Amino acid sequence: MKLIIKLHESKLSISKCPEATKNPKVNAKNKQHAIEEYEYGKPQVKGELCENCKAWNTKIVEKCVDDGEGLGFCEMHDFMCMGKKWCNTWAGQKKSKD
């Protein structure tokens, strides 16, 4: 799983903005899929938040979205998500940047 996410991150960082950051219909469709299949938005397991998941990427939102405060891009499910939410495919804790 770690290898897949790292490869995906590097691919996104050098490519154009993901379609879901520019097309609200694509983002909504992908988000709805995450709600239905992965329980996105349900009460979370303590500490397992989108904002500390390995698939959470704020750099994409900063680059591609005008007003993305509190959002990150879920590289696993290809949609913009809220940092304080959760889904059942949480990919483990991000390493500290310090």
N, C-alpha and C. Protein backbone atom coordinates (compact mmCIF):
# COMPACT_ATOMS: atom_id res chain seq x y z
N MET A 1 0.82 -1.19 0.00
CA MET A 1 0.00 0.00 0.00
C MET A 1 0.87 1.26 0.00
N LYS A 2 1.94 1.26 0.78
CA LYS A 2 2.81 2.44 0.84
C LYS A 2 3.39 2.76 -0.53
N LEU A 3 3.85 1.75 -1.23
CA LEU A 3 4.45 1.96 -2.54
C LEU A 3 3.46 2.56 -3.52
N ILE A 4 2.24 2.05 -3.52
CA ILE A 4 1.22 2.56 -4.43
C ILE A 4 0.95 4.04 -4.16
N ILE A 5 0.81 4.40 -2.91
CA ILE A 5 0.53 5.80 -2.57
C ILE A 5 1.71 6.69 -2.95
N LYS A 6 2.92 6.25 -2.69
CA LYS A 6 4.08 7.07 -3.05
C LYS A 6 4.17 7.26 -4.55
N LEU A 7 3.93 6.22 -5.32
CA LEU A 7 3.94 6.36 -6.77
C LEU A 7 2.84 7.30 -7.24
N HIS A 8 1.68 7.18 -6.66
CA HIS A 8 0.55 8.03 -7.03
C HIS A 8 0.86 9.48 -6.69
N GLU A 9 1.44 9.73 -5.51
CA GLU A 9 1.78 11.10 -5.12
C GLU A 9 2.76 11.72 -6.11
N SER A 10 3.79 10.99 -6.47
CA SER A 10 4.78 11.57 -7.37
C SER A 10 4.18 11.82 -8.75
N LYS A 11 3.27 10.96 -9.19
CA LYS A 11 2.62 11.16 -10.48
C LYS A 11 1.77 12.43 -10.46
N LEU A 12 1.00 12.63 -9.37
CA LEU A 12 0.15 13.81 -9.28
C LEU A 12 0.95 15.09 -9.15
N SER A 13 2.07 15.03 -8.45
CA SER A 13 2.82 16.25 -8.19
C SER A 13 3.46 16.82 -9.46
N ILE A 14 3.70 15.97 -10.46
CA ILE A 14 4.34 16.48 -11.68
C ILE A 14 3.34 16.65 -12.82
N SER A 15 2.11 16.25 -12.61
CA SER A 15 1.12 16.35 -13.68
C SER A 15 0.21 17.55 -13.47
N LYS A 16 -0.71 17.73 -14.38
CA LYS A 16 -1.68 18.80 -14.24
C LYS A 16 -2.64 18.49 -13.08
N CYS A 17 -3.47 19.44 -12.74
CA CYS A 17 -4.41 19.27 -11.64
C CYS A 17 -5.38 18.11 -11.93
N PRO A 18 -5.66 17.29 -10.93
CA PRO A 18 -6.62 16.21 -11.13
C PRO A 18 -7.99 16.75 -11.55
N GLU A 19 -8.68 16.02 -12.38
CA GLU A 19 -9.99 16.43 -12.89
C GLU A 19 -10.95 16.79 -11.75
N ALA A 20 -10.90 16.04 -10.66
CA ALA A 20 -11.82 16.28 -9.54
C ALA A 20 -11.61 17.64 -8.87
N THR A 21 -10.46 18.27 -9.06
CA THR A 21 -10.24 19.60 -8.48
C THR A 21 -10.83 20.70 -9.34
N LYS A 22 -11.11 20.40 -10.59
CA LYS A 22 -11.62 21.41 -11.52
C LYS A 22 -13.07 21.17 -11.95
N ASN A 23 -13.53 19.94 -11.81
CA ASN A 23 -14.87 19.59 -12.25
C ASN A 23 -15.71 19.15 -11.06
N PRO A 24 -16.62 20.01 -10.59
CA PRO A 24 -17.44 19.68 -9.42
C PRO A 24 -18.25 18.38 -9.56
N LYS A 25 -18.66 18.06 -10.79
CA LYS A 25 -19.43 16.83 -11.00
C LYS A 25 -18.56 15.60 -10.76
N VAL A 26 -17.34 15.64 -11.23
CA VAL A 26 -16.41 14.51 -11.02
C VAL A 26 -16.10 14.38 -9.54
N ASN A 27 -15.82 15.51 -8.89
CA ASN A 27 -15.53 15.48 -7.46
C ASN A 27 -16.72 14.92 -6.68
N ALA A 28 -17.92 15.37 -7.01
CA ALA A 28 -19.13 14.90 -6.30
C ALA A 28 -19.36 13.40 -6.52
N LYS A 29 -19.13 12.95 -7.74
CA LYS A 29 -19.29 11.53 -8.05
C LYS A 29 -18.30 10.68 -7.25
N ASN A 30 -17.04 11.10 -7.23
CA ASN A 30 -16.02 10.37 -6.50
C ASN A 30 -16.26 10.42 -4.99
N LYS A 31 -16.72 11.57 -4.51
CA LYS A 31 -17.04 11.70 -3.09
C LYS A 31 -18.21 10.79 -2.73
N GLN A 32 -19.24 10.76 -3.55
CA GLN A 32 -20.40 9.90 -3.29
C GLN A 32 -19.98 8.42 -3.26
N HIS A 33 -19.07 8.05 -4.14
CA HIS A 33 -18.56 6.68 -4.14
C HIS A 33 -17.85 6.38 -2.82
N ALA A 34 -17.06 7.33 -2.33
CA ALA A 34 -16.36 7.15 -1.05
C ALA A 34 -17.35 7.06 0.11
N ILE A 35 -18.44 7.80 0.05
CA ILE A 35 -19.48 7.72 1.08
C ILE A 35 -20.13 6.34 1.07
N GLU A 36 -20.51 5.89 -0.11
CA GLU A 36 -21.23 4.61 -0.24
C GLU A 36 -20.35 3.39 0.01
N GLU A 37 -19.13 3.43 -0.48
CA GLU A 37 -18.26 2.24 -0.41
C GLU A 37 -17.30 2.24 0.78
N TYR A 38 -16.91 3.41 1.26
CA TYR A 38 -15.85 3.48 2.27
C TYR A 38 -16.25 4.26 3.52
N GLU A 39 -17.53 4.56 3.65
CA GLU A 39 -18.09 5.22 4.83
C GLU A 39 -17.49 6.60 5.10
N TYR A 40 -17.05 7.29 4.04
CA TYR A 40 -16.52 8.64 4.21
C TYR A 40 -17.56 9.50 4.91
N GLY A 41 -17.13 10.22 5.93
CA GLY A 41 -18.00 11.15 6.63
C GLY A 41 -18.70 10.57 7.85
N LYS A 42 -18.61 9.26 8.04
CA LYS A 42 -19.21 8.63 9.23
C LYS A 42 -18.37 9.01 10.44
N PRO A 43 -18.92 8.82 11.64
CA PRO A 43 -18.09 9.09 12.84
C PRO A 43 -16.77 8.31 12.76
N GLN A 44 -15.69 9.01 13.02
CA GLN A 44 -14.38 8.43 12.80
C GLN A 44 -13.82 7.69 14.00
N VAL A 45 -12.87 6.82 13.70
CA VAL A 45 -12.08 6.16 14.72
C VAL A 45 -11.12 7.22 15.26
N LYS A 46 -10.98 7.29 16.56
CA LYS A 46 -10.14 8.32 17.17
C LYS A 46 -8.75 8.37 16.54
N GLY A 47 -8.39 9.53 16.07
CA GLY A 47 -7.06 9.76 15.51
C GLY A 47 -6.93 9.44 14.03
N GLU A 48 -7.87 8.71 13.45
CA GLU A 48 -7.78 8.33 12.05
C GLU A 48 -8.58 9.30 11.19
N LEU A 49 -8.00 10.46 10.97
CA LEU A 49 -8.65 11.52 10.22
C LEU A 49 -8.05 11.65 8.83
N CYS A 50 -8.81 12.19 7.92
CA CYS A 50 -8.29 12.43 6.56
C CYS A 50 -7.01 13.26 6.61
N GLU A 51 -6.98 14.28 7.46
CA GLU A 51 -5.83 15.18 7.48
C GLU A 51 -4.54 14.53 7.95
N ASN A 52 -4.60 13.36 8.56
CA ASN A 52 -3.35 12.70 8.93
C ASN A 52 -3.18 11.35 8.22
N CYS A 53 -3.96 11.14 7.19
CA CYS A 53 -3.86 9.93 6.36
C CYS A 53 -2.76 10.11 5.32
N LYS A 54 -2.08 9.04 4.98
CA LYS A 54 -1.02 9.11 3.97
C LYS A 54 -1.54 9.52 2.59
N ALA A 55 -2.82 9.31 2.33
CA ALA A 55 -3.40 9.66 1.02
C ALA A 55 -3.83 11.13 0.94
N TRP A 56 -3.78 11.87 2.04
CA TRP A 56 -4.20 13.29 2.11
C TRP A 56 -3.11 14.16 1.51
N ASN A 57 -3.48 15.03 0.57
CA ASN A 57 -2.50 15.90 -0.09
C ASN A 57 -3.04 17.32 -0.17
N THR A 58 -2.47 18.21 0.61
CA THR A 58 -2.91 19.61 0.58
C THR A 58 -2.21 20.39 -0.53
N LYS A 59 -1.07 19.92 -0.99
CA LYS A 59 -0.35 20.64 -2.05
C LYS A 59 -1.16 20.70 -3.34
N ILE A 60 -1.87 19.63 -3.63
CA ILE A 60 -2.71 19.62 -4.83
C ILE A 60 -3.81 20.67 -4.71
N VAL A 61 -4.44 20.75 -3.54
CA VAL A 61 -5.51 21.73 -3.32
C VAL A 61 -4.94 23.15 -3.40
N GLU A 62 -3.80 23.38 -2.78
CA GLU A 62 -3.17 24.70 -2.84
C GLU A 62 -2.87 25.11 -4.27
N LYS A 63 -2.44 24.16 -5.08
CA LYS A 63 -2.08 24.44 -6.47
C LYS A 63 -3.30 24.60 -7.37
N CYS A 64 -4.37 23.83 -7.10
CA CYS A 64 -5.44 23.68 -8.07
C CYS A 64 -6.78 24.32 -7.69
N VAL A 65 -6.95 24.72 -6.44
CA VAL A 65 -8.25 25.21 -5.98
C VAL A 65 -8.08 26.61 -5.39
N ASP A 66 -8.95 27.52 -5.78
CA ASP A 66 -8.86 28.90 -5.29
C ASP A 66 -9.16 29.02 -3.80
N ASP A 67 -10.24 28.40 -3.34
CA ASP A 67 -10.62 28.50 -1.93
C ASP A 67 -10.76 27.09 -1.35
N GLY A 68 -9.63 26.53 -0.93
CA GLY A 68 -9.64 25.16 -0.44
C GLY A 68 -9.30 25.01 1.02
N GLU A 69 -9.59 26.05 1.80
CA GLU A 69 -9.27 26.00 3.22
C GLU A 69 -9.96 24.80 3.89
N GLY A 70 -9.18 24.02 4.62
CA GLY A 70 -9.70 22.85 5.32
C GLY A 70 -9.81 21.60 4.45
N LEU A 71 -9.48 21.76 3.16
CA LEU A 71 -9.58 20.63 2.23
C LEU A 71 -8.22 20.04 1.92
N GLY A 72 -8.24 18.80 1.56
CA GLY A 72 -7.08 18.11 1.02
C GLY A 72 -7.59 17.25 -0.12
N PHE A 73 -6.68 16.75 -0.92
CA PHE A 73 -7.08 15.87 -2.01
C PHE A 73 -6.77 14.45 -1.59
N CYS A 74 -7.79 13.59 -1.62
CA CYS A 74 -7.60 12.18 -1.30
C CYS A 74 -7.07 11.49 -2.55
N GLU A 75 -5.82 11.12 -2.51
CA GLU A 75 -5.20 10.46 -3.66
C GLU A 75 -5.69 9.03 -3.83
N MET A 76 -6.24 8.46 -2.79
CA MET A 76 -6.73 7.09 -2.88
C MET A 76 -8.09 7.03 -3.60
N HIS A 77 -8.94 8.02 -3.33
CA HIS A 77 -10.30 8.00 -3.88
C HIS A 77 -10.59 9.14 -4.85
N ASP A 78 -9.60 9.97 -5.11
CA ASP A 78 -9.67 11.00 -6.16
C ASP A 78 -10.79 12.01 -5.96
N PHE A 79 -10.83 12.61 -4.76
CA PHE A 79 -11.78 13.70 -4.52
C PHE A 79 -11.21 14.60 -3.42
N MET A 80 -11.77 15.80 -3.31
CA MET A 80 -11.36 16.73 -2.27
C MET A 80 -12.18 16.43 -1.02
N CYS A 81 -11.46 16.26 0.09
CA CYS A 81 -12.15 15.88 1.33
C CYS A 81 -11.78 16.83 2.47
N MET A 82 -12.60 16.80 3.48
CA MET A 82 -12.40 17.62 4.67
C MET A 82 -11.43 16.91 5.61
N GLY A 83 -10.53 17.67 6.19
CA GLY A 83 -9.51 17.10 7.06
C GLY A 83 -10.04 16.41 8.29
N LYS A 84 -11.16 16.85 8.81
CA LYS A 84 -11.70 16.28 10.05
C LYS A 84 -12.63 15.10 9.81
N LYS A 85 -12.73 14.65 8.55
CA LYS A 85 -13.56 13.49 8.23
C LYS A 85 -12.71 12.22 8.27
N TRP A 86 -13.35 11.09 7.98
CA TRP A 86 -12.70 9.78 8.05
C TRP A 86 -13.34 8.86 7.03
N CYS A 87 -12.63 7.83 6.61
CA CYS A 87 -13.24 6.73 5.85
C CYS A 87 -12.56 5.43 6.28
N ASN A 88 -13.16 4.31 5.90
CA ASN A 88 -12.63 3.04 6.39
C ASN A 88 -11.43 2.51 5.61
N THR A 89 -10.87 3.31 4.73
CA THR A 89 -9.65 2.92 4.03
C THR A 89 -8.47 3.79 4.46
N TRP A 90 -8.57 4.38 5.65
CA TRP A 90 -7.49 5.22 6.19
C TRP A 90 -6.16 4.49 6.01
N ALA A 91 -5.18 5.15 5.44
CA ALA A 91 -3.93 4.52 5.02
C ALA A 91 -2.78 4.65 6.01
N GLY A 92 -3.08 4.93 7.22
CA GLY A 92 -2.02 5.05 8.22
C GLY A 92 -1.57 6.48 8.41
N GLN A 93 -0.89 6.69 9.51
CA GLN A 93 -0.46 8.02 9.93
C GLN A 93 0.65 8.55 9.04
N LYS A 94 0.51 9.80 8.63
CA LYS A 94 1.59 10.47 7.89
C LYS A 94 2.77 10.68 8.83
N LYS A 95 3.95 10.65 8.27
CA LYS A 95 5.13 10.98 9.07
C LYS A 95 5.17 12.48 9.28
N SER A 96 5.66 12.89 10.43
CA SER A 96 5.79 14.31 10.74
C SER A 96 6.78 14.95 9.78
N LYS A 97 6.52 16.20 9.40
CA LYS A 97 7.42 16.93 8.50
C LYS A 97 8.63 17.49 9.24
N ASP A 98 8.59 17.41 10.56
CA ASP A 98 9.71 17.97 11.36
C ASP A 98 10.94 17.12 11.30
